[in-house]
Amino acid sequence: MMENYLKDVIDQLIEDALELKKNANDEFEKGKLFGYYETISKLLSQAEAFGISDKVPLKWRNFLPEELLSNIS
């Protein structure tokens, strides 16, 4: 059950963040993107620290949260 929770949360957060990045045109949206970055970064770091990174969906295991902040102006 916890595995499904982790998968669903990470999937939703990263997908929402990537969608927001496409349309981050004002300072508020850019601020939200920084919030997504912090949250996703902490979740992935904690999964690694607790030895459960194998429970992270395969498509996101090599995801770099820093990519959310690249090329935003």
PDB file of N, CA and C in Angstrom:
ATOM      1  N   MET A   1       0.817  -1.194   0.000  1.00  0.00           N
ATOM      2  CA  MET A   1       0.000   0.000   0.000  1.00  0.00           C
ATOM      3  C   MET A   1       0.869   1.270   0.000  1.00  0.00           C
ATOM      4  N   MET A   2       1.908   1.270   0.839  1.00  0.00           N
ATOM      5  CA  MET A   2       2.794   2.432   0.903  1.00  0.00           C
ATOM      6  C   MET A   2       3.496   2.651  -0.434  1.00  0.00           C
ATOM      7  N   GLU A   3       3.803   1.558  -1.105  1.00  0.00           N
ATOM      8  CA  GLU A   3       4.457   1.656  -2.413  1.00  0.00           C
ATOM      9  C   GLU A   3       3.549   2.394  -3.399  1.00  0.00           C
ATOM     10  N   ASN A   4       2.261   2.080  -3.388  1.00  0.00           N
ATOM     11  CA  ASN A   4       1.307   2.759  -4.273  1.00  0.00           C
ATOM     12  C   ASN A   4       1.199   4.237  -3.930  1.00  0.00           C
ATOM     13  N   TYR A   5       1.199   4.528  -2.641  1.00  0.00           N
ATOM     14  CA  TYR A   5       1.124   5.924  -2.198  1.00  0.00           C
ATOM     15  C   TYR A   5       2.323   6.704  -2.720  1.00  0.00           C
ATOM     16  N   LEU A   6       3.525   6.172  -2.501  1.00  0.00           N
ATOM     17  CA  LEU A   6       4.740   6.838  -2.952  1.00  0.00           C
ATOM     18  C   LEU A   6       4.726   7.035  -4.462  1.00  0.00           C
ATOM     19  N   LYS A   7       4.348   5.995  -5.188  1.00  0.00           N
ATOM     20  CA  LYS A   7       4.290   6.085  -6.642  1.00  0.00           C
ATOM     21  C   LYS A   7       3.305   7.165  -7.081  1.00  0.00           C
ATOM     22  N   ASP A   8       2.107   7.150  -6.513  1.00  0.00           N
ATOM     23  CA  ASP A   8       1.079   8.117  -6.907  1.00  0.00           C
ATOM     24  C   ASP A   8       1.485   9.553  -6.587  1.00  0.00           C
ATOM     25  N   VAL A   9       2.046   9.760  -5.399  1.00  0.00           N
ATOM     26  CA  VAL A   9       2.444  11.117  -5.001  1.00  0.00           C
ATOM     27  C   VAL A   9       3.555  11.638  -5.903  1.00  0.00           C
ATOM     28  N   ILE A  10       4.579  10.835  -6.115  1.00  0.00           N
ATOM     29  CA  ILE A  10       5.691  11.292  -6.953  1.00  0.00           C
ATOM     30  C   ILE A  10       5.242  11.505  -8.392  1.00  0.00           C
ATOM     31  N   ASP A  11       4.466  10.576  -8.930  1.00  0.00           N
ATOM     32  CA  ASP A  11       3.936  10.752 -10.292  1.00  0.00           C
ATOM     33  C   ASP A  11       3.184  12.074 -10.419  1.00  0.00           C
ATOM     34  N   GLN A  12       2.263  12.305  -9.507  1.00  0.00           N
ATOM     35  CA  GLN A  12       1.414  13.501  -9.585  1.00  0.00           C
ATOM     36  C   GLN A  12       2.226  14.780  -9.429  1.00  0.00           C
ATOM     37  N   LEU A  13       3.121  14.807  -8.455  1.00  0.00           N
ATOM     38  CA  LEU A  13       3.911  16.011  -8.229  1.00  0.00           C
ATOM     39  C   LEU A  13       4.802  16.343  -9.424  1.00  0.00           C
ATOM     40  N   ILE A  14       5.495  15.352  -9.954  1.00  0.00           N
ATOM     41  CA  ILE A  14       6.399  15.624 -11.070  1.00  0.00           C
ATOM     42  C   ILE A  14       5.614  15.992 -12.328  1.00  0.00           C
ATOM     43  N   GLU A  15       4.536  15.295 -12.592  1.00  0.00           N
ATOM     44  CA  GLU A  15       3.731  15.633 -13.769  1.00  0.00           C
ATOM     45  C   GLU A  15       3.142  17.036 -13.652  1.00  0.00           C
ATOM     46  N   ASP A  16       2.636  17.392 -12.473  1.00  0.00           N
ATOM     47  CA  ASP A  16       2.102  18.743 -12.261  1.00  0.00           C
ATOM     48  C   ASP A  16       3.196  19.794 -12.432  1.00  0.00           C
ATOM     49  N   ALA A  17       4.375  19.514 -11.878  1.00  0.00           N
ATOM     50  CA  ALA A  17       5.479  20.464 -11.972  1.00  0.00           C
ATOM     51  C   ALA A  17       5.928  20.657 -13.417  1.00  0.00           C
ATOM     52  N   LEU A  18       6.016  19.585 -14.168  1.00  0.00           N
ATOM     53  CA  LEU A  18       6.428  19.696 -15.572  1.00  0.00           C
ATOM     54  C   LEU A  18       5.396  20.472 -16.381  1.00  0.00           C
ATOM     55  N   GLU A  19       4.132  20.273 -16.085  1.00  0.00           N
ATOM     56  CA  GLU A  19       3.072  21.030 -16.764  1.00  0.00           C
ATOM     57  C   GLU A  19       3.154  22.512 -16.395  1.00  0.00           C
ATOM     58  N   LEU A  20       3.367  22.790 -15.116  1.00  0.00           N
ATOM     59  CA  LEU A  20       3.493  24.177 -14.670  1.00  0.00           C
ATOM     60  C   LEU A  20       4.689  24.852 -15.334  1.00  0.00           C
ATOM     61  N   LYS A  21       5.788  24.117 -15.469  1.00  0.00           N
ATOM     62  CA  LYS A  21       6.993  24.700 -16.075  1.00  0.00           C
ATOM     63  C   LYS A  21       6.719  25.199 -17.498  1.00  0.00           C
ATOM     64  N   LYS A  22       5.881  24.490 -18.228  1.00  0.00           N
ATOM     65  CA  LYS A  22       5.555  24.895 -19.600  1.00  0.00           C
ATOM     66  C   LYS A  22       4.879  26.259 -19.640  1.00  0.00           C
ATOM     67  N   ASN A  23       4.166  26.603 -18.551  1.00  0.00           N
ATOM     68  CA  ASN A  23       3.354  27.820 -18.535  1.00  0.00           C
ATOM     69  C   ASN A  23       3.741  28.801 -17.444  1.00  0.00           C
ATOM     70  N   ALA A  24       4.926  28.647 -16.864  1.00  0.00           N
ATOM     71  CA  ALA A  24       5.344  29.529 -15.768  1.00  0.00           C
ATOM     72  C   ALA A  24       5.754  30.884 -16.324  1.00  0.00           C
ATOM     73  N   ASN A  25       4.766  31.770 -16.480  1.00  0.00           N
ATOM     74  CA  ASN A  25       5.015  33.059 -17.107  1.00  0.00           C
ATOM     75  C   ASN A  25       5.144  34.209 -16.125  1.00  0.00           C
ATOM     76  N   ASP A  26       4.637  34.049 -14.907  1.00  0.00           N
ATOM     77  CA  ASP A  26       4.741  35.152 -13.966  1.00  0.00           C
ATOM     78  C   ASP A  26       5.449  34.694 -12.693  1.00  0.00           C
ATOM     79  N   GLU A  27       5.715  35.645 -11.830  1.00  0.00           N
ATOM     80  CA  GLU A  27       6.488  35.353 -10.622  1.00  0.00           C
ATOM     81  C   GLU A  27       5.769  34.372  -9.697  1.00  0.00           C
ATOM     82  N   PHE A  28       4.451  34.440  -9.633  1.00  0.00           N
ATOM     83  CA  PHE A  28       3.693  33.520  -8.791  1.00  0.00           C
ATOM     84  C   PHE A  28       3.886  32.082  -9.260  1.00  0.00           C
ATOM     85  N   GLU A  29       3.748  31.845 -10.558  1.00  0.00           N
ATOM     86  CA  GLU A  29       3.916  30.497 -11.097  1.00  0.00           C
ATOM     87  C   GLU A  29       5.353  30.008 -10.924  1.00  0.00           C
ATOM     88  N   LYS A  30       6.314  30.891 -11.073  1.00  0.00           N
ATOM     89  CA  LYS A  30       7.716  30.520 -10.858  1.00  0.00           C
ATOM     90  C   LYS A  30       7.946  30.165  -9.388  1.00  0.00           C
ATOM     91  N   GLY A  31       7.294  30.890  -8.490  1.00  0.00           N
ATOM     92  CA  GLY A  31       7.385  30.577  -7.068  1.00  0.00           C
ATOM     93  C   GLY A  31       6.800  29.207  -6.766  1.00  0.00           C
ATOM     94  N   LYS A  32       5.673  28.893  -7.392  1.00  0.00           N
ATOM     95  CA  LYS A  32       5.077  27.562  -7.224  1.00  0.00           C
ATOM     96  C   LYS A  32       6.032  26.484  -7.726  1.00  0.00           C
ATOM     97  N   LEU A  33       6.713  26.761  -8.819  1.00  0.00           N
ATOM     98  CA  LEU A  33       7.663  25.806  -9.382  1.00  0.00           C
ATOM     99  C   LEU A  33       8.816  25.536  -8.408  1.00  0.00           C
ATOM    100  N   PHE A  34       9.278  26.593  -7.725  1.00  0.00           N
ATOM    101  CA  PHE A  34      10.314  26.402  -6.709  1.00  0.00           C
ATOM    102  C   PHE A  34       9.789  25.528  -5.572  1.00  0.00           C
ATOM    103  N   GLY A  35       8.522  25.695  -5.216  1.00  0.00           N
ATOM    104  CA  GLY A  35       7.917  24.845  -4.193  1.00  0.00           C
ATOM    105  C   GLY A  35       7.868  23.390  -4.618  1.00  0.00           C
ATOM    106  N   TYR A  36       7.490  23.156  -5.862  1.00  0.00           N
ATOM    107  CA  TYR A  36       7.505  21.791  -6.391  1.00  0.00           C
ATOM    108  C   TYR A  36       8.924  21.221  -6.351  1.00  0.00           C
ATOM    109  N   TYR A  37       9.882  22.040  -6.754  1.00  0.00           N
ATOM    110  CA  TYR A  37      11.280  21.587  -6.738  1.00  0.00           C
ATOM    111  C   TYR A  37      11.686  21.132  -5.339  1.00  0.00           C
ATOM    112  N   GLU A  38      11.407  21.959  -4.337  1.00  0.00           N
ATOM    113  CA  GLU A  38      11.774  21.626  -2.956  1.00  0.00           C
ATOM    114  C   GLU A  38      11.103  20.328  -2.510  1.00  0.00           C
ATOM    115  N   THR A  39       9.825  20.199  -2.778  1.00  0.00           N
ATOM    116  CA  THR A  39       9.071  19.029  -2.342  1.00  0.00           C
ATOM    117  C   THR A  39       9.562  17.755  -3.021  1.00  0.00           C
ATOM    118  N   ILE A  40       9.695  17.803  -4.329  1.00  0.00           N
ATOM    119  CA  ILE A  40      10.138  16.623  -5.084  1.00  0.00           C
ATOM    120  C   ILE A  40      11.561  16.255  -4.689  1.00  0.00           C
ATOM    121  N   SER A  41      12.412  17.245  -4.540  1.00  0.00           N
ATOM    122  CA  SER A  41      13.791  17.002  -4.162  1.00  0.00           C
ATOM    123  C   SER A  41      13.864  16.309  -2.799  1.00  0.00           C
ATOM    124  N   LYS A  42      13.076  16.777  -1.840  1.00  0.00           N
ATOM    125  CA  LYS A  42      13.070  16.160  -0.509  1.00  0.00           C
ATOM    126  C   LYS A  42      12.530  14.737  -0.553  1.00  0.00           C
ATOM    127  N   LEU A  43      11.452  14.513  -1.290  1.00  0.00           N
ATOM    128  CA  LEU A  43      10.893  13.165  -1.391  1.00  0.00           C
ATOM    129  C   LEU A  43      11.899  12.182  -1.980  1.00  0.00           C
ATOM    130  N   LEU A  44      12.555  12.571  -3.050  1.00  0.00           N
ATOM    131  CA  LEU A  44      13.527  11.679  -3.684  1.00  0.00           C
ATOM    132  C   LEU A  44      14.743  11.460  -2.791  1.00  0.00           C
ATOM    133  N   SER A  45      15.195  12.511  -2.106  1.00  0.00           N
ATOM    134  CA  SER A  45      16.332  12.374  -1.192  1.00  0.00           C
ATOM    135  C   SER A  45      15.990  11.457  -0.019  1.00  0.00           C
ATOM    136  N   GLN A  46      14.798  11.615   0.531  1.00  0.00           N
ATOM    137  CA  GLN A  46      14.387  10.786   1.656  1.00  0.00           C
ATOM    138  C   GLN A  46      14.199   9.330   1.233  1.00  0.00           C
ATOM    139  N   ALA A  47      13.684   9.122   0.045  1.00  0.00           N
ATOM    140  CA  ALA A  47      13.541   7.749  -0.454  1.00  0.00           C
ATOM    141  C   ALA A  47      14.910   7.084  -0.526  1.00  0.00           C
ATOM    142  N   GLU A  48      15.894   7.833  -0.979  1.00  0.00           N
ATOM    143  CA  GLU A  48      17.266   7.311  -1.040  1.00  0.00           C
ATOM    144  C   GLU A  48      17.803   7.046   0.362  1.00  0.00           C
ATOM    145  N   ALA A  49      17.619   7.995   1.269  1.00  0.00           N
ATOM    146  CA  ALA A  49      18.142   7.866   2.630  1.00  0.00           C
ATOM    147  C   ALA A  49      17.525   6.685   3.380  1.00  0.00           C
ATOM    148  N   PHE A  50      16.244   6.417   3.117  1.00  0.00           N
ATOM    149  CA  PHE A  50      15.560   5.330   3.810  1.00  0.00           C
ATOM    150  C   PHE A  50      15.655   3.994   3.066  1.00  0.00           C
ATOM    151  N   GLY A  51      16.401   3.991   1.965  1.00  0.00           N
ATOM    152  CA  GLY A  51      16.614   2.750   1.225  1.00  0.00           C
ATOM    153  C   GLY A  51      15.392   2.249   0.487  1.00  0.00           C
ATOM    154  N   ILE A  52      14.521   3.168   0.114  1.00  0.00           N
ATOM    155  CA  ILE A  52      13.312   2.755  -0.607  1.00  0.00           C
ATOM    156  C   ILE A  52      13.247   3.393  -2.001  1.00  0.00           C
ATOM    157  N   SER A  53      14.398   3.814  -2.511  1.00  0.00           N
ATOM    158  CA  SER A  53      14.397   4.445  -3.834  1.00  0.00           C
ATOM    159  C   SER A  53      13.971   3.463  -4.920  1.00  0.00           C
ATOM    160  N   ASP A  54      14.048   2.157  -4.634  1.00  0.00           N
ATOM    161  CA  ASP A  54      13.567   1.173  -5.596  1.00  0.00           C
ATOM    162  C   ASP A  54      12.047   1.185  -5.697  1.00  0.00           C
ATOM    163  N   LYS A  55      11.384   1.867  -4.767  1.00  0.00           N
ATOM    164  CA  LYS A  55       9.922   1.991  -4.798  1.00  0.00           C
ATOM    165  C   LYS A  55       9.471   3.205  -5.615  1.00  0.00           C
ATOM    166  N   VAL A  56      10.424   4.075  -5.939  1.00  0.00           N
ATOM    167  CA  VAL A  56      10.122   5.233  -6.787  1.00  0.00           C
ATOM    168  C   VAL A  56       9.840   4.700  -8.190  1.00  0.00           C
ATOM    169  N   PRO A  57       8.799   5.223  -8.848  1.00  0.00           N
ATOM    170  CA  PRO A  57       8.504   4.745 -10.210  1.00  0.00           C
ATOM    171  C   PRO A  57       9.742   4.794 -11.108  1.00  0.00           C
ATOM    172  N   LEU A  58       9.931   3.747 -11.855  1.00  0.00           N
ATOM    173  CA  LEU A  58      11.105   3.600 -12.710  1.00  0.00           C
ATOM    174  C   LEU A  58      11.344   4.825 -13.585  1.00  0.00           C
ATOM    175  N   LYS A  59      10.279   5.388 -14.135  1.00  0.00           N
ATOM    176  CA  LYS A  59      10.449   6.529 -15.048  1.00  0.00           C
ATOM    177  C   LYS A  59      10.986   7.774 -14.347  1.00  0.00           C
ATOM    178  N   TRP A  60      10.955   7.820 -13.002  1.00  0.00           N
ATOM    179  CA  TRP A  60      11.423   8.992 -12.259  1.00  0.00           C
ATOM    180  C   TRP A  60      12.708   8.733 -11.482  1.00  0.00           C
ATOM    181  N   ARG A  61      13.257   7.544 -11.510  1.00  0.00           N
ATOM    182  CA  ARG A  61      14.433   7.230 -10.686  1.00  0.00           C
ATOM    183  C   ARG A  61      15.654   8.066 -11.051  1.00  0.00           C
ATOM    184  N   ASN A  62      15.773   8.455 -12.284  1.00  0.00           N
ATOM    185  CA  ASN A  62      16.907   9.282 -12.704  1.00  0.00           C
ATOM    186  C   ASN A  62      16.511  10.732 -12.928  1.00  0.00           C
ATOM    187  N   PHE A  63      15.315  11.097 -12.485  1.00  0.00           N
ATOM    188  CA  PHE A  63      14.840  12.473 -12.646  1.00  0.00           C
ATOM    189  C   PHE A  63      15.660  13.409 -11.769  1.00  0.00           C
ATOM    190  N   LEU A  64      16.092  14.506 -12.340  1.00  0.00           N
ATOM    191  CA  LEU A  64      16.830  15.523 -11.600  1.00  0.00           C
ATOM    192  C   LEU A  64      15.893  16.709 -11.340  1.00  0.00           C
ATOM    193  N   PRO A  65      15.505  16.921 -10.100  1.00  0.00           N
ATOM    194  CA  PRO A  65      14.589  18.022  -9.798  1.00  0.00           C
ATOM    195  C   PRO A  65      15.101  19.380 -10.289  1.00  0.00           C
ATOM    196  N   GLU A  66      16.416  19.534 -10.384  1.00  0.00           N
ATOM    197  CA  GLU A  66      17.000  20.788 -10.859  1.00  0.00           C
ATOM    198  C   GLU A  66      16.525  21.141 -12.262  1.00  0.00           C
ATOM    199  N   GLU A  67      16.118  20.126 -13.023  1.00  0.00           N
ATOM    200  CA  GLU A  67      15.622  20.379 -14.376  1.00  0.00           C
ATOM    201  C   GLU A  67      14.369  21.251 -14.362  1.00  0.00           C
ATOM    202  N   LEU A  68      13.638  21.225 -13.258  1.00  0.00           N
ATOM    203  CA  LEU A  68      12.445  22.060 -13.158  1.00  0.00           C
ATOM    204  C   LEU A  68      12.799  23.545 -13.178  1.00  0.00           C
ATOM    205  N   LEU A  69      13.990  23.861 -12.708  1.00  0.00           N
ATOM    206  CA  LEU A  69      14.387  25.264 -12.593  1.00  0.00           C
ATOM    207  C   LEU A  69      15.223  25.749 -13.764  1.00  0.00           C
ATOM    208  N   SER A  70      15.595  24.846 -14.658  1.00  0.00           N
ATOM    209  CA  SER A  70      16.412  25.255 -15.799  1.00  0.00           C
ATOM    210  C   SER A  70      15.549  25.960 -16.851  1.00  0.00           C
ATOM    211  N   ASN A  71      16.139  26.947 -17.441  1.00  0.00           N
ATOM    212  CA  ASN A  71      15.509  27.690 -18.550  1.00  0.00           C
ATOM    213  C   ASN A  71      14.191  28.370 -18.192  1.00  0.00           C
ATOM    214  N   ILE A  72      14.033  28.767 -16.934  1.00  0.00           N
ATOM    215  CA  ILE A  72      12.875  29.616 -16.626  1.00  0.00           C
ATOM    216  C   ILE A  72      13.391  31.046 -16.527  1.00  0.00           C
ATOM    217  N   SER A  73      12.634  31.947 -17.098  1.00  0.00           N
ATOM    218  CA  SER A  73      13.127  33.351 -17.091  1.00  0.00           C
ATOM    219  C   SER A  73      12.128  34.268 -16.450  1.00  0.00           C
TER     220      SER A  73
END
